[in-house]
Amino acid sequence: MKAEGKTLDELFKSLEPTYGKLLHKIEAPISTDSEPEMIDVLVISPEMDRTVCGQFERFIDGNPDKAREILVKHCVKHGLDEVLGNNVAFRAVSTFLIELLPTAKVRIKN
């Protein structure tokens, strides 16, 4: 697949210096078949972006589809049109991004 005249690997290499370990190449299913066709998607983890995490948390209880859309639109760097245009891919990618959200625990000291 190409994005802006670049292959997925070329795009990954060009974004890697900026995003480092936050950048991920994934495959998302486009059907619920036992062996579904997959699309290549390039995403960045939302974990370092407080604004995106805050927007997601703002909508997750009242409008979960909007919350998922916020993550997908911000974090997908390649394959966005395919993900937004396919319900199965949208759910799969948004679930993956939700799993990447940080969940650190604090320790009680008293």
N, C-alpha and C. Protein backbone atom coordinates (compact mmCIF):
# COMPACT_ATOMS: atom_id res chain seq x y z
N MET A 1 0.84 -1.19 0.00
CA MET A 1 0.00 0.00 0.00
C MET A 1 0.88 1.24 0.00
N LYS A 2 0.38 2.27 -0.60
CA LYS A 2 1.15 3.50 -0.67
C LYS A 2 0.41 4.63 0.01
N ALA A 3 1.15 5.53 0.61
CA ALA A 3 0.59 6.74 1.22
C ALA A 3 1.51 7.89 0.84
N GLU A 4 0.94 8.89 0.21
CA GLU A 4 1.72 10.05 -0.20
C GLU A 4 2.93 9.63 -1.04
N GLY A 5 2.75 8.62 -1.92
CA GLY A 5 3.83 8.18 -2.78
C GLY A 5 4.85 7.30 -2.11
N LYS A 6 4.64 6.91 -0.88
CA LYS A 6 5.59 6.08 -0.14
C LYS A 6 4.96 4.74 0.19
N THR A 7 5.77 3.69 0.22
CA THR A 7 5.28 2.41 0.69
C THR A 7 5.13 2.48 2.21
N LEU A 8 4.46 1.50 2.77
CA LEU A 8 4.28 1.46 4.22
C LEU A 8 5.63 1.45 4.95
N ASP A 9 6.56 0.64 4.43
CA ASP A 9 7.89 0.57 5.07
C ASP A 9 8.64 1.90 4.98
N GLU A 10 8.53 2.58 3.84
CA GLU A 10 9.19 3.88 3.69
C GLU A 10 8.57 4.91 4.64
N LEU A 11 7.25 4.89 4.75
CA LEU A 11 6.57 5.80 5.66
C LEU A 11 6.95 5.51 7.10
N PHE A 12 7.03 4.22 7.46
CA PHE A 12 7.45 3.83 8.80
C PHE A 12 8.84 4.38 9.11
N LYS A 13 9.77 4.18 8.18
CA LYS A 13 11.14 4.65 8.39
C LYS A 13 11.21 6.17 8.50
N SER A 14 10.36 6.88 7.76
CA SER A 14 10.40 8.34 7.82
C SER A 14 9.79 8.88 9.12
N LEU A 15 8.84 8.14 9.71
CA LEU A 15 8.20 8.59 10.95
C LEU A 15 8.90 8.07 12.21
N GLU A 16 9.70 7.02 12.06
CA GLU A 16 10.35 6.40 13.21
C GLU A 16 11.23 7.36 14.02
N PRO A 17 12.01 8.26 13.38
CA PRO A 17 12.82 9.18 14.19
C PRO A 17 11.96 10.09 15.09
N THR A 18 10.77 10.43 14.64
CA THR A 18 9.88 11.30 15.41
C THR A 18 9.16 10.55 16.52
N TYR A 19 8.65 9.36 16.22
CA TYR A 19 7.79 8.65 17.17
C TYR A 19 8.47 7.48 17.88
N GLY A 20 9.58 6.98 17.35
CA GLY A 20 10.32 5.91 18.00
C GLY A 20 9.46 4.68 18.30
N LYS A 21 9.49 4.23 19.55
CA LYS A 21 8.77 3.02 19.95
C LYS A 21 7.26 3.22 20.04
N LEU A 22 6.79 4.44 19.85
CA LEU A 22 5.35 4.70 19.85
C LEU A 22 4.71 4.34 18.51
N LEU A 23 5.52 4.09 17.49
CA LEU A 23 5.04 3.80 16.14
C LEU A 23 4.90 2.28 15.97
N HIS A 24 3.75 1.85 15.42
CA HIS A 24 3.47 0.42 15.25
C HIS A 24 2.89 0.14 13.87
N LYS A 25 3.39 -0.94 13.24
CA LYS A 25 2.77 -1.47 12.02
C LYS A 25 1.85 -2.60 12.47
N ILE A 26 0.58 -2.52 12.09
CA ILE A 26 -0.37 -3.57 12.47
C ILE A 26 -1.16 -3.99 11.24
N GLU A 27 -1.81 -5.14 11.35
CA GLU A 27 -2.75 -5.61 10.35
C GLU A 27 -4.12 -5.64 11.00
N ALA A 28 -5.11 -5.09 10.31
CA ALA A 28 -6.47 -5.06 10.85
C ALA A 28 -7.39 -5.85 9.94
N PRO A 29 -8.29 -6.66 10.54
CA PRO A 29 -9.23 -7.42 9.71
C PRO A 29 -10.30 -6.50 9.13
N ILE A 30 -10.79 -6.87 7.95
CA ILE A 30 -11.89 -6.10 7.37
C ILE A 30 -13.17 -6.92 7.29
N SER A 31 -13.14 -8.12 7.88
CA SER A 31 -14.35 -8.94 7.98
C SER A 31 -14.22 -9.83 9.20
N THR A 32 -15.32 -10.46 9.56
CA THR A 32 -15.31 -11.35 10.73
C THR A 32 -15.21 -12.81 10.31
N ASP A 33 -14.78 -13.06 9.08
CA ASP A 33 -14.59 -14.43 8.60
C ASP A 33 -13.53 -15.13 9.43
N SER A 34 -13.48 -16.47 9.33
CA SER A 34 -12.47 -17.21 10.09
C SER A 34 -11.06 -16.88 9.63
N GLU A 35 -10.89 -16.57 8.34
CA GLU A 35 -9.61 -16.10 7.81
C GLU A 35 -9.85 -14.80 7.05
N PRO A 36 -10.00 -13.70 7.79
CA PRO A 36 -10.38 -12.43 7.14
C PRO A 36 -9.25 -11.82 6.33
N GLU A 37 -9.65 -11.03 5.34
CA GLU A 37 -8.67 -10.22 4.61
C GLU A 37 -8.19 -9.14 5.57
N MET A 38 -6.91 -8.82 5.49
CA MET A 38 -6.31 -7.85 6.40
C MET A 38 -5.83 -6.63 5.61
N ILE A 39 -5.82 -5.48 6.30
CA ILE A 39 -5.24 -4.27 5.73
C ILE A 39 -4.08 -3.83 6.61
N ASP A 40 -3.09 -3.23 5.99
CA ASP A 40 -1.94 -2.71 6.74
C ASP A 40 -2.27 -1.33 7.27
N VAL A 41 -1.96 -1.11 8.53
CA VAL A 41 -2.24 0.16 9.20
C VAL A 41 -1.00 0.57 9.98
N LEU A 42 -0.69 1.85 9.94
CA LEU A 42 0.42 2.40 10.70
C LEU A 42 -0.16 3.33 11.75
N VAL A 43 0.14 3.06 13.03
CA VAL A 43 -0.44 3.85 14.12
C VAL A 43 0.65 4.32 15.08
N ILE A 44 0.33 5.40 15.79
CA ILE A 44 1.18 5.83 16.90
C ILE A 44 0.38 5.62 18.18
N SER A 45 1.07 5.27 19.22
CA SER A 45 0.42 5.07 20.50
C SER A 45 -0.04 6.41 21.07
N PRO A 46 -1.25 6.46 21.65
CA PRO A 46 -1.74 7.71 22.21
C PRO A 46 -1.17 8.03 23.59
N GLU A 47 -0.34 7.16 24.13
CA GLU A 47 0.07 7.26 25.52
C GLU A 47 0.80 8.54 25.91
N MET A 48 1.49 9.19 24.98
CA MET A 48 2.26 10.38 25.33
C MET A 48 1.52 11.68 25.03
N ASP A 49 0.30 11.59 24.57
CA ASP A 49 -0.44 12.79 24.18
C ASP A 49 -1.60 13.01 25.16
N ARG A 50 -1.39 13.90 26.12
CA ARG A 50 -2.41 14.16 27.14
C ARG A 50 -3.71 14.70 26.55
N THR A 51 -3.60 15.49 25.50
CA THR A 51 -4.78 16.07 24.87
C THR A 51 -5.67 14.97 24.29
N VAL A 52 -5.08 14.05 23.56
CA VAL A 52 -5.85 12.96 22.96
C VAL A 52 -6.43 12.07 24.05
N CYS A 53 -5.64 11.73 25.05
CA CYS A 53 -6.14 10.91 26.16
C CYS A 53 -7.29 11.62 26.87
N GLY A 54 -7.16 12.92 27.08
CA GLY A 54 -8.21 13.69 27.74
C GLY A 54 -9.49 13.74 26.92
N GLN A 55 -9.36 13.93 25.61
CA GLN A 55 -10.54 13.94 24.74
C GLN A 55 -11.22 12.56 24.75
N PHE A 56 -10.41 11.52 24.69
CA PHE A 56 -10.95 10.16 24.74
C PHE A 56 -11.74 9.94 26.03
N GLU A 57 -11.14 10.31 27.17
CA GLU A 57 -11.79 10.12 28.47
C GLU A 57 -13.05 10.96 28.61
N ARG A 58 -13.06 12.11 27.98
CA ARG A 58 -14.23 13.00 28.04
C ARG A 58 -15.46 12.33 27.42
N PHE A 59 -15.26 11.58 26.35
CA PHE A 59 -16.38 11.01 25.61
C PHE A 59 -16.64 9.52 25.88
N ILE A 60 -15.74 8.81 26.53
CA ILE A 60 -15.85 7.36 26.62
C ILE A 60 -17.14 6.89 27.29
N ASP A 61 -17.62 7.58 28.31
CA ASP A 61 -18.85 7.14 28.98
C ASP A 61 -20.12 7.57 28.25
N GLY A 62 -20.16 8.79 27.74
CA GLY A 62 -21.36 9.31 27.11
C GLY A 62 -21.50 8.97 25.64
N ASN A 63 -20.39 8.89 24.92
CA ASN A 63 -20.43 8.64 23.48
C ASN A 63 -19.20 7.83 23.09
N PRO A 64 -19.21 6.53 23.37
CA PRO A 64 -18.02 5.71 23.14
C PRO A 64 -17.56 5.66 21.68
N ASP A 65 -18.50 5.76 20.72
CA ASP A 65 -18.07 5.76 19.32
C ASP A 65 -17.27 7.01 18.99
N LYS A 66 -17.66 8.14 19.54
CA LYS A 66 -16.91 9.39 19.34
C LYS A 66 -15.52 9.27 19.99
N ALA A 67 -15.46 8.67 21.16
CA ALA A 67 -14.17 8.48 21.84
C ALA A 67 -13.24 7.62 20.98
N ARG A 68 -13.77 6.54 20.43
CA ARG A 68 -12.97 5.67 19.56
C ARG A 68 -12.52 6.42 18.31
N GLU A 69 -13.41 7.22 17.75
CA GLU A 69 -13.09 7.99 16.55
C GLU A 69 -11.96 8.98 16.82
N ILE A 70 -11.96 9.60 17.98
CA ILE A 70 -10.89 10.53 18.35
C ILE A 70 -9.55 9.82 18.33
N LEU A 71 -9.48 8.63 18.93
CA LEU A 71 -8.22 7.87 18.94
C LEU A 71 -7.80 7.50 17.53
N VAL A 72 -8.72 6.97 16.76
CA VAL A 72 -8.39 6.52 15.41
C VAL A 72 -7.92 7.69 14.54
N LYS A 73 -8.66 8.78 14.54
CA LYS A 73 -8.29 9.92 13.68
C LYS A 73 -6.95 10.53 14.07
N HIS A 74 -6.62 10.51 15.35
CA HIS A 74 -5.34 11.08 15.77
C HIS A 74 -4.18 10.12 15.57
N CYS A 75 -4.41 8.85 15.82
CA CYS A 75 -3.30 7.90 15.91
C CYS A 75 -2.99 7.13 14.62
N VAL A 76 -3.92 7.01 13.70
CA VAL A 76 -3.66 6.27 12.47
C VAL A 76 -2.93 7.18 11.49
N LYS A 77 -1.74 6.78 11.12
CA LYS A 77 -0.90 7.57 10.20
C LYS A 77 -0.92 7.02 8.77
N HIS A 78 -1.40 5.80 8.59
CA HIS A 78 -1.55 5.20 7.27
C HIS A 78 -2.72 4.23 7.33
N GLY A 79 -3.62 4.31 6.36
CA GLY A 79 -4.77 3.42 6.32
C GLY A 79 -6.02 4.00 6.96
N LEU A 80 -6.02 5.30 7.22
CA LEU A 80 -7.14 5.94 7.92
C LEU A 80 -8.45 5.78 7.15
N ASP A 81 -8.46 6.02 5.86
CA ASP A 81 -9.69 5.91 5.08
C ASP A 81 -10.27 4.49 5.13
N GLU A 82 -9.38 3.50 5.02
CA GLU A 82 -9.84 2.11 5.08
C GLU A 82 -10.41 1.77 6.45
N VAL A 83 -9.76 2.25 7.50
CA VAL A 83 -10.22 1.97 8.86
C VAL A 83 -11.57 2.66 9.12
N LEU A 84 -11.68 3.92 8.75
CA LEU A 84 -12.94 4.64 8.98
C LEU A 84 -14.08 4.09 8.12
N GLY A 85 -13.75 3.51 6.98
CA GLY A 85 -14.77 3.00 6.07
C GLY A 85 -15.22 1.58 6.31
N ASN A 86 -14.64 0.91 7.31
CA ASN A 86 -14.97 -0.49 7.57
C ASN A 86 -15.20 -0.67 9.07
N ASN A 87 -16.39 -1.08 9.46
CA ASN A 87 -16.71 -1.22 10.88
C ASN A 87 -15.83 -2.22 11.62
N VAL A 88 -15.52 -3.34 10.97
CA VAL A 88 -14.68 -4.36 11.62
C VAL A 88 -13.28 -3.80 11.86
N ALA A 89 -12.70 -3.17 10.85
CA ALA A 89 -11.36 -2.59 10.99
C ALA A 89 -11.37 -1.47 12.03
N PHE A 90 -12.42 -0.65 12.01
CA PHE A 90 -12.52 0.45 12.97
C PHE A 90 -12.53 -0.08 14.41
N ARG A 91 -13.35 -1.09 14.68
CA ARG A 91 -13.42 -1.67 16.03
C ARG A 91 -12.09 -2.30 16.43
N ALA A 92 -11.47 -3.02 15.49
CA ALA A 92 -10.21 -3.70 15.80
C ALA A 92 -9.10 -2.69 16.11
N VAL A 93 -8.96 -1.67 15.28
CA VAL A 93 -7.89 -0.68 15.48
C VAL A 93 -8.17 0.15 16.73
N SER A 94 -9.40 0.58 16.92
CA SER A 94 -9.70 1.40 18.10
C SER A 94 -9.50 0.60 19.38
N THR A 95 -9.84 -0.68 19.37
CA THR A 95 -9.61 -1.53 20.56
C THR A 95 -8.12 -1.65 20.84
N PHE A 96 -7.32 -1.83 19.79
CA PHE A 96 -5.86 -1.90 19.96
C PHE A 96 -5.33 -0.60 20.57
N LEU A 97 -5.80 0.54 20.07
CA LEU A 97 -5.34 1.83 20.59
C LEU A 97 -5.76 2.04 22.04
N ILE A 98 -6.96 1.60 22.40
CA ILE A 98 -7.42 1.71 23.80
C ILE A 98 -6.52 0.90 24.71
N GLU A 99 -6.10 -0.28 24.24
CA GLU A 99 -5.21 -1.12 25.04
C GLU A 99 -3.84 -0.48 25.26
N LEU A 100 -3.45 0.44 24.38
CA LEU A 100 -2.16 1.12 24.51
C LEU A 100 -2.19 2.29 25.50
N LEU A 101 -3.39 2.70 25.92
CA LEU A 101 -3.48 3.81 26.87
C LEU A 101 -2.79 3.44 28.17
N PRO A 102 -2.06 4.37 28.76
CA PRO A 102 -1.31 4.06 29.98
C PRO A 102 -2.22 3.79 31.17
N THR A 103 -1.85 2.82 31.96
CA THR A 103 -2.59 2.50 33.17
C THR A 103 -1.62 2.25 34.31
N ALA A 104 -0.90 3.27 34.70
CA ALA A 104 0.06 3.15 35.80
C ALA A 104 -0.68 3.13 37.12
N LYS A 105 -0.10 2.45 38.09
CA LYS A 105 -0.71 2.38 39.42
C LYS A 105 0.18 3.12 40.42
N VAL A 106 -0.48 3.73 41.38
CA VAL A 106 0.26 4.43 42.43
C VAL A 106 0.38 3.50 43.64
N ARG A 107 1.31 3.83 44.52
CA ARG A 107 1.47 3.10 45.77
C ARG A 107 1.04 3.98 46.91
N ILE A 108 0.33 3.41 47.86
CA ILE A 108 -0.06 4.13 49.07
C ILE A 108 1.08 3.98 50.07
N LYS A 109 1.52 5.10 50.66
CA LYS A 109 2.69 5.07 51.54
C LYS A 109 2.33 5.16 53.03
N ASN A 110 1.07 5.38 53.38
CA ASN A 110 0.77 5.50 54.81
C ASN A 110 0.05 4.30 55.34
